[in-house]
Protein backbone atom coordinates (compact mmCIF):
# COMPACT_ATOMS: atom_id res chain seq x y z
CA MET A 1 -52.72 -31.57 15.85
CA PRO A 2 -55.14 -28.89 17.13
CA GLY A 3 -54.20 -29.87 20.68
CA LYS A 4 -50.54 -29.08 19.98
CA ILE A 5 -51.43 -25.70 18.53
CA ILE A 6 -53.56 -24.80 21.53
CA ALA A 7 -50.81 -25.94 23.92
CA ALA A 8 -48.23 -23.89 22.05
CA CYS A 9 -50.44 -20.78 22.16
CA VAL A 10 -51.07 -21.20 25.89
CA LEU A 11 -47.36 -21.61 26.61
CA PHE A 12 -46.47 -18.72 24.31
CA TRP A 13 -48.90 -16.27 25.95
CA TRP A 14 -49.26 -17.53 29.50
CA PHE A 15 -45.72 -18.71 30.39
CA PRO A 16 -43.96 -15.29 30.11
CA ALA A 17 -46.80 -13.66 32.04
CA CYS A 18 -46.13 -15.94 35.02
CA PHE A 19 -42.64 -14.54 35.50
CA ALA A 20 -43.49 -10.88 34.95
CA ALA A 21 -43.06 -8.70 38.03
CA PRO A 22 -46.07 -6.81 39.30
CA ASP A 23 -46.01 -3.09 38.52
CA ALA A 24 -46.96 -1.94 42.02
CA GLY A 25 -43.67 -2.73 43.79
CA VAL A 26 -41.25 -1.64 41.08
CA GLN A 27 -39.67 1.77 41.24
CA LYS A 28 -39.06 3.39 37.88
CA GLN A 29 -35.63 4.76 37.07
CA THR A 30 -35.38 8.35 36.08
CA VAL A 31 -34.18 8.99 32.57
CA ARG A 32 -30.98 11.00 32.46
CA THR A 33 -30.53 13.39 29.58
CA ILE A 34 -27.28 13.59 27.67
CA SER A 35 -25.43 16.79 28.39
CA SER A 36 -22.72 18.55 26.43
CA GLY A 37 -20.20 17.41 29.05
CA ASP A 38 -21.05 13.78 28.26
CA MET A 39 -20.53 14.42 24.55
CA LEU A 40 -17.19 16.10 25.33
CA HIS A 41 -16.02 13.09 27.36
CA TRP A 42 -17.05 10.65 24.61
CA SER A 43 -15.37 12.75 21.93
CA MET A 44 -12.13 13.02 23.91
CA GLY A 45 -12.14 9.26 24.55
CA LEU A 46 -12.67 8.60 20.84
CA LEU A 47 -9.84 10.95 19.89
CA ILE A 48 -7.48 9.27 22.36
CA VAL A 49 -8.32 5.79 21.04
CA LEU A 50 -7.93 6.89 17.41
CA GLY A 51 -4.66 8.64 18.24
CA LEU A 52 -3.29 5.46 19.84
CA PHE A 53 -4.43 3.43 16.82
CA PHE A 54 -2.69 5.71 14.31
CA LEU A 55 0.42 5.85 16.51
CA CYS A 56 0.58 2.04 16.48
CA VAL A 57 0.11 1.93 12.70
CA TRP A 58 2.84 4.53 12.19
CA GLY A 59 5.18 2.60 14.52
CA MET A 60 4.56 -0.68 12.70
CA ARG A 61 5.31 0.95 9.34
CA LYS A 62 8.55 2.41 10.67
CA LEU A 63 9.68 -0.85 12.27
CA SER A 64 8.88 -2.99 9.24
CA GLY A 65 10.92 -0.72 6.93
CA THR A 66 14.21 -1.12 8.79
CA THR A 67 16.99 -3.22 7.29
CA VAL A 68 20.23 -4.38 8.88
CA ASN A 69 22.47 -3.42 5.97
CA ASN A 70 21.76 -1.72 2.68
CA ALA A 71 23.77 -4.20 0.57
CA GLY A 72 21.01 -6.82 0.78
CA LYS A 73 18.28 -4.46 -0.30
CA MET A 74 15.88 -5.52 -3.00
CA ARG A 75 14.20 -3.09 -5.39
CA VAL A 76 12.33 -3.18 -8.66
CA VAL A 77 14.36 -1.39 -11.34
CA GLY A 78 11.78 -1.67 -14.10
CA GLY A 79 8.98 -3.70 -15.55
CA LEU A 80 7.22 -4.42 -18.79
CA SER A 81 3.66 -5.63 -19.23
CA LEU A 82 3.37 -8.39 -21.82
CA GLY A 83 -0.38 -8.88 -21.61
CA MET A 84 -3.28 -8.65 -19.22
CA ARG A 85 -1.57 -10.73 -16.53
CA GLU A 86 1.99 -11.35 -17.70
CA LYS A 87 4.92 -9.10 -16.87
CA VAL A 88 8.70 -9.02 -17.12
CA ILE A 89 10.30 -7.44 -14.06
CA LEU A 90 13.92 -6.32 -13.62
CA LEU A 91 14.78 -6.80 -9.94
CA GLN A 92 17.96 -5.50 -8.26
CA VAL A 93 19.19 -7.75 -5.42
CA GLY A 94 22.48 -6.52 -4.03
CA LYS A 95 24.93 -6.45 -6.96
CA LYS A 96 22.87 -8.83 -9.13
CA GLN A 97 19.94 -8.06 -11.36
CA LEU A 98 17.27 -10.65 -12.07
CA VAL A 99 14.95 -10.65 -15.07
CA LEU A 100 11.76 -12.31 -13.83
CA GLY A 101 8.73 -13.52 -15.74
CA VAL A 102 5.65 -12.97 -13.57
CA THR A 103 2.30 -14.67 -14.23
CA PRO A 104 -0.63 -15.16 -11.83
CA GLY A 105 0.44 -18.72 -11.08
CA ARG A 106 4.23 -18.50 -10.91
CA ILE A 107 7.40 -16.43 -11.06
CA ASP A 108 10.29 -17.62 -13.24
CA ALA A 109 13.86 -16.32 -13.31
CA LEU A 110 14.50 -15.66 -17.01
CA HIS A 111 18.03 -14.30 -16.76
CA VAL A 112 20.58 -13.23 -14.13
CA LEU A 113 22.71 -10.16 -14.87
CA GLU A 114 25.98 -9.87 -12.95
CA GLY A 115 29.02 -7.62 -13.11
CA GLU A 116 29.27 -5.63 -16.34
CA ASP A 117 26.00 -7.06 -17.72
CA CYS A 118 23.95 -5.19 -15.09
CA LEU A 119 21.80 -2.32 -16.28
CA ASN A 120 22.38 1.05 -14.68
CA ALA A 121 19.35 2.68 -13.09
CA THR A 122 20.25 5.99 -14.78
CA ALA A 123 20.68 4.44 -18.24
CA GLY A 124 16.96 4.65 -18.95
CA MET A 125 16.95 8.38 -18.21
CA GLN A 126 19.76 9.33 -20.61
CA GLU A 127 18.67 9.03 -24.21
CA GLY A 128 21.14 7.72 -26.76
CA SER A 129 24.10 7.52 -24.39
CA PRO A 130 25.19 3.96 -23.76
CA SER A 131 26.75 3.44 -20.34
CA THR A 132 29.47 1.00 -19.38
CA GLY A 133 26.88 -1.54 -18.22
CA MET A 134 25.17 -1.55 -21.63
CA ASP A 135 27.73 -3.78 -23.39
CA SER A 136 25.40 -6.80 -23.46
CA GLY A 137 23.04 -7.18 -26.43
CA PHE A 138 20.29 -8.43 -24.15
CA ALA A 139 20.61 -5.40 -21.89
CA GLN A 140 20.41 -3.02 -24.86
CA LYS A 141 17.31 -4.69 -26.26
CA LEU A 142 15.58 -4.71 -22.87
CA MET A 143 16.28 -1.03 -22.35
CA GLN A 144 15.02 -0.18 -25.87
CA VAL A 145 11.79 -2.05 -25.27
CA MET A 146 11.32 -0.48 -21.83
CA LYS A 147 12.07 3.01 -23.20
CA GLY A 148 9.64 2.47 -26.10
CA ARG A 149 6.87 1.39 -23.68
CA SER A 150 7.37 4.36 -21.37
CA ASP A 151 7.37 6.90 -24.23
CA GLY A 152 4.17 5.54 -25.85
């Protein structure tokens, strides 16, 4: 065991010294100081790279937001929190409205509103004035609950 330790120490200290170049024949490089021109070049390069990055991000956001026709657009009309993780969401898809139950593990379609059963987006803003789409009892109750949650 002591022989291994001695051999390891010899190899650790002596082996790198064998390959070290002698100091006499080596010319030392001069150290160049950083000037304000260097800092200006680095800053301009950084600004160009950041500008290209933000231009690409802006372009990706613009391209991902395009749709072919507006009839197939999807939007969230309203929502209601039922607990810490459970929600009821009213989703507009074309001319249909879907009432969805959303939990962390799944999304269930609770009800589909079509035609005259659909809720108007402006119905929640007008107090006490039922619109033509408010004929359904379910639609009236949902709007009352959503209005009560937003007021409180």
